Amino acid sequence: MKGWKAWRAAACERCHGPAQEGMVGPSLIASLKTLSKDDFKKAVLEGRIALGMPGHPFLADKIDDLYAYLKGRSDGSVANVRPDGA
């Protein structure tokens, strides 16, 4: 739930799609199958400017929750885009 809230608060769906399937930014469902947690943190917090991804340092205190939510969406353990109770 905390990860989903971080996702919504940062408006990540504007680039990665409402179900993390990709739009302007890549599909996070696919990316999180191969991206390590450390690489994910670096990409989110520092950005990937050459690829159009700005840094989001304001997410530092929520990065573990965000990773857990997106990793769960990627591996299927979090089936719903919006978790129950959200």
PDB file of N, CA and C in Angstrom:
ATOM      1  N   MET A   1       0.819  -1.193   0.000  1.00  0.00           N
ATOM      2  CA  MET A   1       0.000   0.000   0.000  1.00  0.00           C
ATOM      3  C   MET A   1       0.867   1.262   0.000  1.00  0.00           C
ATOM      4  N   LYS A   2       1.938   1.269   0.818  1.00  0.00           N
ATOM      5  CA  LYS A   2       2.803   2.449   0.881  1.00  0.00           C
ATOM      6  C   LYS A   2       3.474   2.698  -0.464  1.00  0.00           C
ATOM      7  N   GLY A   3       3.878   1.627  -1.139  1.00  0.00           N
ATOM      8  CA  GLY A   3       4.517   1.767  -2.441  1.00  0.00           C
ATOM      9  C   GLY A   3       3.570   2.328  -3.477  1.00  0.00           C
ATOM     10  N   TRP A   4       2.341   1.872  -3.463  1.00  0.00           N
ATOM     11  CA  TRP A   4       1.336   2.392  -4.390  1.00  0.00           C
ATOM     12  C   TRP A   4       1.085   3.875  -4.117  1.00  0.00           C
ATOM     13  N   LYS A   5       1.024   4.240  -2.856  1.00  0.00           N
ATOM     14  CA  LYS A   5       0.824   5.649  -2.505  1.00  0.00           C
ATOM     15  C   LYS A   5       1.994   6.509  -2.985  1.00  0.00           C
ATOM     16  N   ALA A   6       3.216   5.997  -2.876  1.00  0.00           N
ATOM     17  CA  ALA A   6       4.379   6.728  -3.380  1.00  0.00           C
ATOM     18  C   ALA A   6       4.285   6.865  -4.896  1.00  0.00           C
ATOM     19  N   TRP A   7       3.885   5.806  -5.570  1.00  0.00           N
ATOM     20  CA  TRP A   7       3.687   5.807  -7.028  1.00  0.00           C
ATOM     21  C   TRP A   7       2.698   6.900  -7.421  1.00  0.00           C
ATOM     22  N   ARG A   8       1.581   6.950  -6.747  1.00  0.00           N
ATOM     23  CA  ARG A   8       0.535   7.936  -7.064  1.00  0.00           C
ATOM     24  C   ARG A   8       0.985   9.349  -6.730  1.00  0.00           C
ATOM     25  N   ALA A   9       1.625   9.526  -5.585  1.00  0.00           N
ATOM     26  CA  ALA A   9       2.048  10.862  -5.166  1.00  0.00           C
ATOM     27  C   ALA A   9       3.088  11.448  -6.125  1.00  0.00           C
ATOM     28  N   ALA A  10       3.933  10.609  -6.693  1.00  0.00           N
ATOM     29  CA  ALA A  10       4.970  11.081  -7.612  1.00  0.00           C
ATOM     30  C   ALA A  10       4.454  11.179  -9.054  1.00  0.00           C
ATOM     31  N   ALA A  11       3.209  10.746  -9.287  1.00  0.00           N
ATOM     32  CA  ALA A  11       2.577  10.798 -10.617  1.00  0.00           C
ATOM     33  C   ALA A  11       3.400  10.049 -11.670  1.00  0.00           C
ATOM     34  N   CYS A  12       3.947   8.919 -11.291  1.00  0.00           N
ATOM     35  CA  CYS A  12       4.775   8.124 -12.205  1.00  0.00           C
ATOM     36  C   CYS A  12       3.989   7.644 -13.424  1.00  0.00           C
ATOM     37  N   GLU A  13       2.672   7.527 -13.271  1.00  0.00           N
ATOM     38  CA  GLU A  13       1.839   7.033 -14.373  1.00  0.00           C
ATOM     39  C   GLU A  13       1.853   7.961 -15.586  1.00  0.00           C
ATOM     40  N   ARG A  14       2.244   9.214 -15.382  1.00  0.00           N
ATOM     41  CA  ARG A  14       2.297  10.149 -16.513  1.00  0.00           C
ATOM     42  C   ARG A  14       3.247   9.655 -17.594  1.00  0.00           C
ATOM     43  N   CYS A  15       4.308   8.990 -17.203  1.00  0.00           N
ATOM     44  CA  CYS A  15       5.285   8.482 -18.184  1.00  0.00           C
ATOM     45  C   CYS A  15       5.266   6.958 -18.310  1.00  0.00           C
ATOM     46  N   HIS A  16       4.991   6.268 -17.203  1.00  0.00           N
ATOM     47  CA  HIS A  16       5.078   4.811 -17.208  1.00  0.00           C
ATOM     48  C   HIS A  16       3.728   4.116 -17.331  1.00  0.00           C
ATOM     49  N   GLY A  17       2.643   4.871 -17.467  1.00  0.00           N
ATOM     50  CA  GLY A  17       1.318   4.292 -17.640  1.00  0.00           C
ATOM     51  C   GLY A  17       0.651   3.941 -16.327  1.00  0.00           C
ATOM     52  N   PRO A  18      -0.676   3.970 -16.306  1.00  0.00           N
ATOM     53  CA  PRO A  18      -1.413   3.732 -15.064  1.00  0.00           C
ATOM     54  C   PRO A  18      -1.248   2.322 -14.496  1.00  0.00           C
ATOM     55  N   ALA A  19      -0.880   1.372 -15.348  1.00  0.00           N
ATOM     56  CA  ALA A  19      -0.661   0.000 -14.885  1.00  0.00           C
ATOM     57  C   ALA A  19       0.801  -0.396 -15.049  1.00  0.00           C
ATOM     58  N   GLN A  20       1.682   0.614 -15.085  1.00  0.00           N
ATOM     59  CA  GLN A  20       3.125   0.426 -15.194  1.00  0.00           C
ATOM     60  C   GLN A  20       3.544  -0.261 -16.493  1.00  0.00           C
ATOM     61  N   GLU A  21       2.678  -0.210 -17.514  1.00  0.00           N
ATOM     62  CA  GLU A  21       2.924  -0.920 -18.764  1.00  0.00           C
ATOM     63  C   GLU A  21       3.763  -0.124 -19.765  1.00  0.00           C
ATOM     64  N   GLY A  22       4.080   1.107 -19.430  1.00  0.00           N
ATOM     65  CA  GLY A  22       4.889   1.951 -20.293  1.00  0.00           C
ATOM     66  C   GLY A  22       4.059   2.873 -21.169  1.00  0.00           C
ATOM     67  N   MET A  23       4.606   4.010 -21.435  1.00  0.00           N
ATOM     68  CA  MET A  23       4.042   5.005 -22.362  1.00  0.00           C
ATOM     69  C   MET A  23       5.253   5.726 -22.949  1.00  0.00           C
ATOM     70  N   VAL A  24       5.492   6.948 -22.505  1.00  0.00           N
ATOM     71  CA  VAL A  24       6.707   7.660 -22.893  1.00  0.00           C
ATOM     72  C   VAL A  24       7.911   6.978 -22.249  1.00  0.00           C
ATOM     73  N   GLY A  25       7.760   6.609 -20.993  1.00  0.00           N
ATOM     74  CA  GLY A  25       8.785   5.854 -20.271  1.00  0.00           C
ATOM     75  C   GLY A  25       8.563   4.365 -20.484  1.00  0.00           C
ATOM     76  N   PRO A  26       9.552   3.556 -20.173  1.00  0.00           N
ATOM     77  CA  PRO A  26       9.434   2.112 -20.405  1.00  0.00           C
ATOM     78  C   PRO A  26       8.453   1.429 -19.457  1.00  0.00           C
ATOM     79  N   SER A  27       8.075   0.231 -19.841  1.00  0.00           N
ATOM     80  CA  SER A  27       7.260  -0.625 -18.986  1.00  0.00           C
ATOM     81  C   SER A  27       8.060  -1.003 -17.758  1.00  0.00           C
ATOM     82  N   LEU A  28       7.511  -0.718 -16.595  1.00  0.00           N
ATOM     83  CA  LEU A  28       8.186  -1.117 -15.359  1.00  0.00           C
ATOM     84  C   LEU A  28       7.901  -2.573 -15.031  1.00  0.00           C
ATOM     85  N   ILE A  29       6.838  -3.105 -15.598  1.00  0.00           N
ATOM     86  CA  ILE A  29       6.558  -4.540 -15.445  1.00  0.00           C
ATOM     87  C   ILE A  29       7.725  -5.324 -16.048  1.00  0.00           C
ATOM     88  N   ALA A  30       8.157  -4.917 -17.233  1.00  0.00           N
ATOM     89  CA  ALA A  30       9.280  -5.587 -17.897  1.00  0.00           C
ATOM     90  C   ALA A  30      10.622  -5.211 -17.255  1.00  0.00           C
ATOM     91  N   SER A  31      10.829  -3.940 -17.000  1.00  0.00           N
ATOM     92  CA  SER A  31      12.124  -3.468 -16.489  1.00  0.00           C
ATOM     93  C   SER A  31      12.486  -4.088 -15.144  1.00  0.00           C
ATOM     94  N   LEU A  32      11.511  -4.238 -14.264  1.00  0.00           N
ATOM     95  CA  LEU A  32      11.804  -4.748 -12.922  1.00  0.00           C
ATOM     96  C   LEU A  32      12.084  -6.241 -12.913  1.00  0.00           C
ATOM     97  N   LYS A  33      11.923  -6.901 -14.054  1.00  0.00           N
ATOM     98  CA  LYS A  33      12.291  -8.313 -14.144  1.00  0.00           C
ATOM     99  C   LYS A  33      13.812  -8.467 -14.179  1.00  0.00           C
ATOM    100  N   THR A  34      14.528  -7.429 -14.649  1.00  0.00           N
ATOM    101  CA  THR A  34      15.980  -7.531 -14.782  1.00  0.00           C
ATOM    102  C   THR A  34      16.754  -6.463 -14.007  1.00  0.00           C
ATOM    103  N   LEU A  35      16.114  -5.366 -13.672  1.00  0.00           N
ATOM    104  CA  LEU A  35      16.785  -4.261 -12.990  1.00  0.00           C
ATOM    105  C   LEU A  35      16.996  -4.604 -11.518  1.00  0.00           C
ATOM    106  N   SER A  36      18.227  -4.469 -11.039  1.00  0.00           N
ATOM    107  CA  SER A  36      18.496  -4.741  -9.627  1.00  0.00           C
ATOM    108  C   SER A  36      17.884  -3.632  -8.768  1.00  0.00           C
ATOM    109  N   LYS A  37      17.748  -3.923  -7.497  1.00  0.00           N
ATOM    110  CA  LYS A  37      17.209  -2.926  -6.580  1.00  0.00           C
ATOM    111  C   LYS A  37      18.111  -1.694  -6.530  1.00  0.00           C
ATOM    112  N   ASP A  38      19.417  -1.901  -6.498  1.00  0.00           N
ATOM    113  CA  ASP A  38      20.347  -0.770  -6.467  1.00  0.00           C
ATOM    114  C   ASP A  38      20.237   0.066  -7.736  1.00  0.00           C
ATOM    115  N   ASP A  39      20.137  -0.588  -8.894  1.00  0.00           N
ATOM    116  CA  ASP A  39      19.995   0.139 -10.158  1.00  0.00           C
ATOM    117  C   ASP A  39      18.666   0.889 -10.210  1.00  0.00           C
ATOM    118  N   PHE A  40      17.615   0.279  -9.677  1.00  0.00           N
ATOM    119  CA  PHE A  40      16.313   0.938  -9.608  1.00  0.00           C
ATOM    120  C   PHE A  40      16.411   2.210  -8.768  1.00  0.00           C
ATOM    121  N   LYS A  41      17.004   2.077  -7.588  1.00  0.00           N
ATOM    122  CA  LYS A  41      17.136   3.237  -6.697  1.00  0.00           C
ATOM    123  C   LYS A  41      17.917   4.362  -7.367  1.00  0.00           C
ATOM    124  N   LYS A  42      19.008   4.006  -8.011  1.00  0.00           N
ATOM    125  CA  LYS A  42      19.821   5.016  -8.682  1.00  0.00           C
ATOM    126  C   LYS A  42      19.034   5.692  -9.806  1.00  0.00           C
ATOM    127  N   ALA A  43      18.326   4.912 -10.600  1.00  0.00           N
ATOM    128  CA  ALA A  43      17.546   5.467 -11.710  1.00  0.00           C
ATOM    129  C   ALA A  43      16.469   6.420 -11.203  1.00  0.00           C
ATOM    130  N   VAL A  44      15.774   6.037 -10.158  1.00  0.00           N
ATOM    131  CA  VAL A  44      14.689   6.875  -9.638  1.00  0.00           C
ATOM    132  C   VAL A  44      15.237   8.119  -8.939  1.00  0.00           C
ATOM    133  N   LEU A  45      16.190   7.938  -8.075  1.00  0.00           N
ATOM    134  CA  LEU A  45      16.679   9.055  -7.265  1.00  0.00           C
ATOM    135  C   LEU A  45      17.566  10.022  -8.049  1.00  0.00           C
ATOM    136  N   GLU A  46      18.416   9.481  -8.927  1.00  0.00           N
ATOM    137  CA  GLU A  46      19.339  10.326  -9.683  1.00  0.00           C
ATOM    138  C   GLU A  46      18.853  10.627 -11.096  1.00  0.00           C
ATOM    139  N   GLY A  47      17.970   9.790 -11.608  1.00  0.00           N
ATOM    140  CA  GLY A  47      17.464   9.959 -12.962  1.00  0.00           C
ATOM    141  C   GLY A  47      18.356   9.307 -13.996  1.00  0.00           C
ATOM    142  N   ARG A  48      17.844   9.285 -15.188  1.00  0.00           N
ATOM    143  CA  ARG A  48      18.574   8.831 -16.371  1.00  0.00           C
ATOM    144  C   ARG A  48      18.316   9.894 -17.435  1.00  0.00           C
ATOM    145  N   ILE A  49      18.973  11.012 -17.269  1.00  0.00           N
ATOM    146  CA  ILE A  49      18.705  12.196 -18.078  1.00  0.00           C
ATOM    147  C   ILE A  49      18.794  11.900 -19.569  1.00  0.00           C
ATOM    148  N   ALA A  50      19.791  11.132 -19.994  1.00  0.00           N
ATOM    149  CA  ALA A  50      19.956  10.815 -21.415  1.00  0.00           C
ATOM    150  C   ALA A  50      18.752  10.063 -21.982  1.00  0.00           C
ATOM    151  N   LEU A  51      18.015   9.377 -21.099  1.00  0.00           N
ATOM    152  CA  LEU A  51      16.831   8.634 -21.526  1.00  0.00           C
ATOM    153  C   LEU A  51      15.530   9.387 -21.224  1.00  0.00           C
ATOM    154  N   GLY A  52      15.653  10.606 -20.702  1.00  0.00           N
ATOM    155  CA  GLY A  52      14.475  11.411 -20.413  1.00  0.00           C
ATOM    156  C   GLY A  52      13.884  11.232 -19.033  1.00  0.00           C
ATOM    157  N   MET A  53      14.578  10.504 -18.175  1.00  0.00           N
ATOM    158  CA  MET A  53      14.086  10.253 -16.814  1.00  0.00           C
ATOM    159  C   MET A  53      14.725  11.249 -15.851  1.00  0.00           C
ATOM    160  N   PRO A  54      13.915  12.148 -15.283  1.00  0.00           N
ATOM    161  CA  PRO A  54      14.474  13.080 -14.295  1.00  0.00           C
ATOM    162  C   PRO A  54      14.698  12.372 -12.964  1.00  0.00           C
ATOM    163  N   GLY A  55      15.563  12.926 -12.162  1.00  0.00           N
ATOM    164  CA  GLY A  55      15.772  12.401 -10.824  1.00  0.00           C
ATOM    165  C   GLY A  55      14.619  12.785  -9.905  1.00  0.00           C
ATOM    166  N   HIS A  56      14.335  11.923  -8.961  1.00  0.00           N
ATOM    167  CA  HIS A  56      13.271  12.149  -7.982  1.00  0.00           C
ATOM    168  C   HIS A  56      13.824  11.968  -6.577  1.00  0.00           C
ATOM    169  N   PRO A  57      14.751  12.825  -6.158  1.00  0.00           N
ATOM    170  CA  PRO A  57      15.367  12.654  -4.837  1.00  0.00           C
ATOM    171  C   PRO A  57      14.376  12.765  -3.682  1.00  0.00           C
ATOM    172  N   PHE A  58      13.249  13.408  -3.912  1.00  0.00           N
ATOM    173  CA  PHE A  58      12.225  13.537  -2.870  1.00  0.00           C
ATOM    174  C   PHE A  58      11.611  12.187  -2.507  1.00  0.00           C
ATOM    175  N   LEU A  59      11.873  11.155  -3.299  1.00  0.00           N
ATOM    176  CA  LEU A  59      11.341   9.815  -3.007  1.00  0.00           C
ATOM    177  C   LEU A  59      12.289   8.973  -2.150  1.00  0.00           C
ATOM    178  N   ALA A  60      13.400   9.537  -1.717  1.00  0.00           N
ATOM    179  CA  ALA A  60      14.413   8.764  -0.984  1.00  0.00           C
ATOM    180  C   ALA A  60      13.835   8.018   0.214  1.00  0.00           C
ATOM    181  N   ASP A  61      12.954   8.660   0.965  1.00  0.00           N
ATOM    182  CA  ASP A  61      12.409   7.998   2.157  1.00  0.00           C
ATOM    183  C   ASP A  61      11.302   6.993   1.830  1.00  0.00           C
ATOM    184  N   LYS A  62      10.889   6.935   0.559  1.00  0.00           N
ATOM    185  CA  LYS A  62       9.829   6.013   0.142  1.00  0.00           C
ATOM    186  C   LYS A  62      10.319   4.995  -0.884  1.00  0.00           C
ATOM    187  N   ILE A  63      11.613   5.036  -1.212  1.00  0.00           N
ATOM    188  CA  ILE A  63      12.131   4.240  -2.324  1.00  0.00           C
ATOM    189  C   ILE A  63      11.983   2.742  -2.095  1.00  0.00           C
ATOM    190  N   ASP A  64      12.172   2.257  -0.883  1.00  0.00           N
ATOM    191  CA  ASP A  64      12.021   0.822  -0.630  1.00  0.00           C
ATOM    192  C   ASP A  64      10.582   0.370  -0.813  1.00  0.00           C
ATOM    193  N   ASP A  65       9.632   1.182  -0.365  1.00  0.00           N
ATOM    194  CA  ASP A  65       8.215   0.848  -0.551  1.00  0.00           C
ATOM    195  C   ASP A  65       7.841   0.875  -2.034  1.00  0.00           C
ATOM    196  N   LEU A  66       8.337   1.869  -2.746  1.00  0.00           N
ATOM    197  CA  LEU A  66       8.054   1.973  -4.179  1.00  0.00           C
ATOM    198  C   LEU A  66       8.635   0.772  -4.918  1.00  0.00           C
ATOM    199  N   TYR A  67       9.859   0.413  -4.592  1.00  0.00           N
ATOM    200  CA  TYR A  67      10.479  -0.750  -5.225  1.00  0.00           C
ATOM    201  C   TYR A  67       9.666  -2.017  -4.940  1.00  0.00           C
ATOM    202  N   ALA A  68       9.270  -2.217  -3.696  1.00  0.00           N
ATOM    203  CA  ALA A  68       8.513  -3.423  -3.333  1.00  0.00           C
ATOM    204  C   ALA A  68       7.212  -3.504  -4.124  1.00  0.00           C
ATOM    205  N   TYR A  69       6.510  -2.392  -4.256  1.00  0.00           N
ATOM    206  CA  TYR A  69       5.262  -2.372  -5.021  1.00  0.00           C
ATOM    207  C   TYR A  69       5.520  -2.713  -6.487  1.00  0.00           C
ATOM    208  N   LEU A  70       6.485  -2.042  -7.103  1.00  0.00           N
ATOM    209  CA  LEU A  70       6.738  -2.259  -8.525  1.00  0.00           C
ATOM    210  C   LEU A  70       7.323  -3.640  -8.798  1.00  0.00           C
ATOM    211  N   LYS A  71       8.179  -4.128  -7.917  1.00  0.00           N
ATOM    212  CA  LYS A  71       8.718  -5.482  -8.070  1.00  0.00           C
ATOM    213  C   LYS A  71       7.594  -6.496  -7.952  1.00  0.00           C
ATOM    214  N   GLY A  72       6.682  -6.264  -7.027  1.00  0.00           N
ATOM    215  CA  GLY A  72       5.522  -7.142  -6.886  1.00  0.00           C
ATOM    216  C   GLY A  72       4.627  -7.123  -8.112  1.00  0.00           C
ATOM    217  N   ARG A  73       4.440  -5.959  -8.700  1.00  0.00           N
ATOM    218  CA  ARG A  73       3.668  -5.864  -9.949  1.00  0.00           C
ATOM    219  C   ARG A  73       4.387  -6.629 -11.055  1.00  0.00           C
ATOM    220  N   SER A  74       5.707  -6.531 -11.086  1.00  0.00           N
ATOM    221  CA  SER A  74       6.495  -7.194 -12.124  1.00  0.00           C
ATOM    222  C   SER A  74       6.473  -8.715 -11.986  1.00  0.00           C
ATOM    223  N   ASP A  75       6.612  -9.207 -10.764  1.00  0.00           N
ATOM    224  CA  ASP A  75       6.661 -10.661 -10.595  1.00  0.00           C
ATOM    225  C   ASP A  75       5.292 -11.300 -10.371  1.00  0.00           C
ATOM    226  N   GLY A  76       4.248 -10.477 -10.333  1.00  0.00           N
ATOM    227  CA  GLY A  76       2.889 -10.995 -10.225  1.00  0.00           C
ATOM    228  C   GLY A  76       2.376 -11.180  -8.813  1.00  0.00           C
ATOM    229  N   SER A  77       3.196 -10.898  -7.803  1.00  0.00           N
ATOM    230  CA  SER A  77       2.715 -11.070  -6.433  1.00  0.00           C
ATOM    231  C   SER A  77       1.776  -9.949  -6.005  1.00  0.00           C
ATOM    232  N   VAL A  78       1.796  -8.833  -6.724  1.00  0.00           N
ATOM    233  CA  VAL A  78       0.827  -7.751  -6.530  1.00  0.00           C
ATOM    234  C   VAL A  78       0.020  -7.690  -7.822  1.00  0.00           C
ATOM    235  N   ALA A  79      -1.127  -8.328  -7.791  1.00  0.00           N
ATOM    236  CA  ALA A  79      -1.920  -8.479  -9.017  1.00  0.00           C
ATOM    237  C   ALA A  79      -2.660  -7.208  -9.415  1.00  0.00           C
ATOM    238  N   ASN A  80      -3.134  -6.478  -8.434  1.00  0.00           N
ATOM    239  CA  ASN A  80      -3.946  -5.300  -8.711  1.00  0.00           C
ATOM    240  C   ASN A  80      -3.082  -4.051  -8.792  1.00  0.00           C
ATOM    241  N   VAL A  81      -3.366  -3.210  -9.787  1.00  0.00           N
ATOM    242  CA  VAL A  81      -2.665  -1.937  -9.895  1.00  0.00           C
ATOM    243  C   VAL A  81      -2.895  -1.132  -8.629  1.00  0.00           C
ATOM    244  N   ARG A  82      -4.134  -1.086  -8.204  1.00  0.00           N
ATOM    245  CA  ARG A  82      -4.492  -0.375  -6.962  1.00  0.00           C
ATOM    246  C   ARG A  82      -4.758  -1.445  -5.899  1.00  0.00           C
ATOM    247  N   PRO A  83      -3.856  -1.559  -4.937  1.00  0.00           N
ATOM    248  CA  PRO A  83      -4.024  -2.610  -3.915  1.00  0.00           C
ATOM    249  C   PRO A  83      -5.329  -2.464  -3.148  1.00  0.00           C
ATOM    250  N   ASP A  84      -5.829  -3.589  -2.680  1.00  0.00           N
ATOM    251  CA  ASP A  84      -7.052  -3.568  -1.861  1.00  0.00           C
ATOM    252  C   ASP A  84      -6.875  -2.644  -0.675  1.00  0.00           C
ATOM    253  N   GLY A  85      -7.860  -1.842  -0.418  1.00  0.00           N
ATOM    254  CA  GLY A  85      -7.831  -0.907   0.696  1.00  0.00           C
ATOM    255  C   GLY A  85      -7.262   0.446   0.343  1.00  0.00           C
ATOM    256  N   ALA A  86      -6.783   0.600  -0.882  1.00  0.00           N
ATOM    257  CA  ALA A  86      -6.193   1.892  -1.278  1.00  0.00           C
ATOM    258  C   ALA A  86      -7.267   2.858  -1.737  1.00  0.00           C
TER     259      ALA A  86
END
